[in-house]
Amino acid sequence: MSDLKIEIISIEGTLFNGSCNVAVIPSNEGDLGIMFGHEAIISNLREGEIKLYDNSQNVFKTVAVKSGFAEMQGEEKLLILIN
């Protein structure tokens, strides 16, 4: 299985640009787990934390979010814009 490419951008600049096995994002509809091959989505984000997991299912990066947007671009990249 391929890793998900992910880019997290805030007003201050790029907070993360790399890959992970699973990204869990705090959407307005509830937490969403996103992996490589996820269907196309655009989602508003609520206050919470983005959690990035490695292949051993360990969290290796967390990013606090107040609000923002997430967009799945193709089957391999997740773009997240946050405040």
C-alpha atoms as a PDB file:
ATOM      1  CA  MET A   1       0.000   0.000   0.000  1.00  0.00           C
ATOM      2  CA  SER A   2       1.231   3.498  -0.796  1.00  0.00           C
ATOM      3  CA  ASP A   3       1.550   6.321   1.665  1.00  0.00           C
ATOM      4  CA  LEU A   4      -0.672   9.385   1.553  1.00  0.00           C
ATOM      5  CA  LYS A   5       1.078  12.605   0.598  1.00  0.00           C
ATOM      6  CA  ILE A   6      -0.035  15.437   2.829  1.00  0.00           C
ATOM      7  CA  GLU A   7       0.587  19.162   2.953  1.00  0.00           C
ATOM      8  CA  ILE A   8      -0.565  21.317   5.880  1.00  0.00           C
ATOM      9  CA  ILE A   9      -0.410  25.063   5.260  1.00  0.00           C
ATOM     10  CA  SER A  10      -1.218  27.924   7.628  1.00  0.00           C
ATOM     11  CA  ILE A  11      -0.992  31.685   7.280  1.00  0.00           C
ATOM     12  CA  GLU A  12       2.554  31.467   8.687  1.00  0.00           C
ATOM     13  CA  GLY A  13       3.638  28.970   6.007  1.00  0.00           C
ATOM     14  CA  THR A  14       3.966  25.239   5.469  1.00  0.00           C
ATOM     15  CA  LEU A  15       3.659  23.296   8.733  1.00  0.00           C
ATOM     16  CA  PHE A  16       4.122  19.839   7.215  1.00  0.00           C
ATOM     17  CA  ASN A  17       4.926  18.499   3.760  1.00  0.00           C
ATOM     18  CA  GLY A  18       5.507  14.770   3.642  1.00  0.00           C
ATOM     19  CA  SER A  19       3.687  11.478   3.811  1.00  0.00           C
ATOM     20  CA  CYS A  20       1.861   9.314   6.317  1.00  0.00           C
ATOM     21  CA  ASN A  21      -0.103   6.094   6.429  1.00  0.00           C
ATOM     22  CA  VAL A  22      -3.287   7.640   7.872  1.00  0.00           C
ATOM     23  CA  ALA A  23      -4.346  11.227   8.553  1.00  0.00           C
ATOM     24  CA  VAL A  24      -7.192  11.882  11.004  1.00  0.00           C
ATOM     25  CA  ILE A  25      -8.754  15.307  10.573  1.00  0.00           C
ATOM     26  CA  PRO A  26     -11.409  17.082  12.694  1.00  0.00           C
ATOM     27  CA  SER A  27     -14.125  17.794  10.115  1.00  0.00           C
ATOM     28  CA  ASN A  28     -17.437  19.454  10.903  1.00  0.00           C
ATOM     29  CA  GLU A  29     -19.124  16.062  10.373  1.00  0.00           C
ATOM     30  CA  GLY A  30     -16.808  14.293  12.845  1.00  0.00           C
ATOM     31  CA  ASP A  31     -13.274  12.939  12.706  1.00  0.00           C
ATOM     32  CA  LEU A  32     -12.300  11.563   9.299  1.00  0.00           C
ATOM     33  CA  GLY A  33      -9.579   8.984   8.725  1.00  0.00           C
ATOM     34  CA  ILE A  34      -7.970   9.415   5.320  1.00  0.00           C
ATOM     35  CA  MET A  35      -5.612   7.004   3.556  1.00  0.00           C
ATOM     36  CA  PHE A  36      -4.129   6.701   0.069  1.00  0.00           C
ATOM     37  CA  GLY A  37      -6.958   6.101  -2.415  1.00  0.00           C
ATOM     38  CA  HIS A  38      -9.651   7.919  -0.418  1.00  0.00           C
ATOM     39  CA  GLU A  39     -12.539   9.279  -2.469  1.00  0.00           C
ATOM     40  CA  ALA A  40     -12.460  12.948  -3.470  1.00  0.00           C
ATOM     41  CA  ILE A  41     -13.638  15.210  -0.641  1.00  0.00           C
ATOM     42  CA  ILE A  42     -13.627  18.832   0.395  1.00  0.00           C
ATOM     43  CA  SER A  43     -14.397  19.368   4.068  1.00  0.00           C
ATOM     44  CA  ASN A  44     -14.577  22.248   6.544  1.00  0.00           C
ATOM     45  CA  LEU A  45     -12.491  21.691   9.654  1.00  0.00           C
ATOM     46  CA  ARG A  46     -13.564  22.396  13.223  1.00  0.00           C
ATOM     47  CA  GLU A  47     -11.376  23.068  16.231  1.00  0.00           C
ATOM     48  CA  GLY A  48      -9.304  20.046  17.172  1.00  0.00           C
ATOM     49  CA  GLU A  49      -6.123  18.236  16.159  1.00  0.00           C
ATOM     50  CA  ILE A  50      -4.863  16.741  12.933  1.00  0.00           C
ATOM     51  CA  LYS A  51      -3.097  13.460  13.734  1.00  0.00           C
ATOM     52  CA  LEU A  52      -0.680  11.775  11.347  1.00  0.00           C
ATOM     53  CA  TYR A  53       0.069   8.071  11.775  1.00  0.00           C
ATOM     54  CA  ASP A  54       3.014   6.027  10.505  1.00  0.00           C
ATOM     55  CA  ASN A  55       2.886   2.461   9.152  1.00  0.00           C
ATOM     56  CA  SER A  56       3.001   1.059  12.711  1.00  0.00           C
ATOM     57  CA  GLN A  57      -0.141   3.073  13.605  1.00  0.00           C
ATOM     58  CA  ASN A  58       1.820   5.403  15.900  1.00  0.00           C
ATOM     59  CA  VAL A  59       1.051   9.133  15.920  1.00  0.00           C
ATOM     60  CA  PHE A  60       4.191  10.935  14.755  1.00  0.00           C
ATOM     61  CA  LYS A  61       2.786  14.444  14.221  1.00  0.00           C
ATOM     62  CA  THR A  62      -0.113  16.467  15.636  1.00  0.00           C
ATOM     63  CA  VAL A  63      -1.204  19.916  14.517  1.00  0.00           C
ATOM     64  CA  ALA A  64      -3.725  22.066  16.394  1.00  0.00           C
ATOM     65  CA  VAL A  65      -6.565  23.464  14.270  1.00  0.00           C
ATOM     66  CA  LYS A  66      -9.070  26.238  14.963  1.00  0.00           C
ATOM     67  CA  SER A  67     -10.705  26.106  11.530  1.00  0.00           C
ATOM     68  CA  GLY A  68      -9.800  25.421   7.928  1.00  0.00           C
ATOM     69  CA  PHE A  69     -10.414  23.260   4.881  1.00  0.00           C
ATOM     70  CA  ALA A  70      -9.188  19.880   3.663  1.00  0.00           C
ATOM     71  CA  GLU A  71      -9.234  18.681   0.063  1.00  0.00           C
ATOM     72  CA  MET A  72      -8.311  15.275  -1.299  1.00  0.00           C
ATOM     73  CA  GLN A  73      -6.464  15.880  -4.571  1.00  0.00           C
ATOM     74  CA  GLY A  74      -6.523  12.756  -6.684  1.00  0.00           C
ATOM     75  CA  GLU A  75      -6.039   9.490  -4.821  1.00  0.00           C
ATOM     76  CA  GLU A  76      -2.662  10.275  -3.302  1.00  0.00           C
ATOM     77  CA  LYS A  77      -2.582  13.831  -1.861  1.00  0.00           C
ATOM     78  CA  LEU A  78      -4.415  15.596   0.958  1.00  0.00           C
ATOM     79  CA  LEU A  79      -4.120  19.392   1.102  1.00  0.00           C
ATOM     80  CA  ILE A  80      -5.069  21.076   4.392  1.00  0.00           C
ATOM     81  CA  LEU A  81      -5.369  24.846   4.834  1.00  0.00           C
ATOM     82  CA  ILE A  82      -5.729  25.968   8.443  1.00  0.00           C
ATOM     83  CA  ASN A  83      -6.095  29.134  10.548  1.00  0.00           C
END
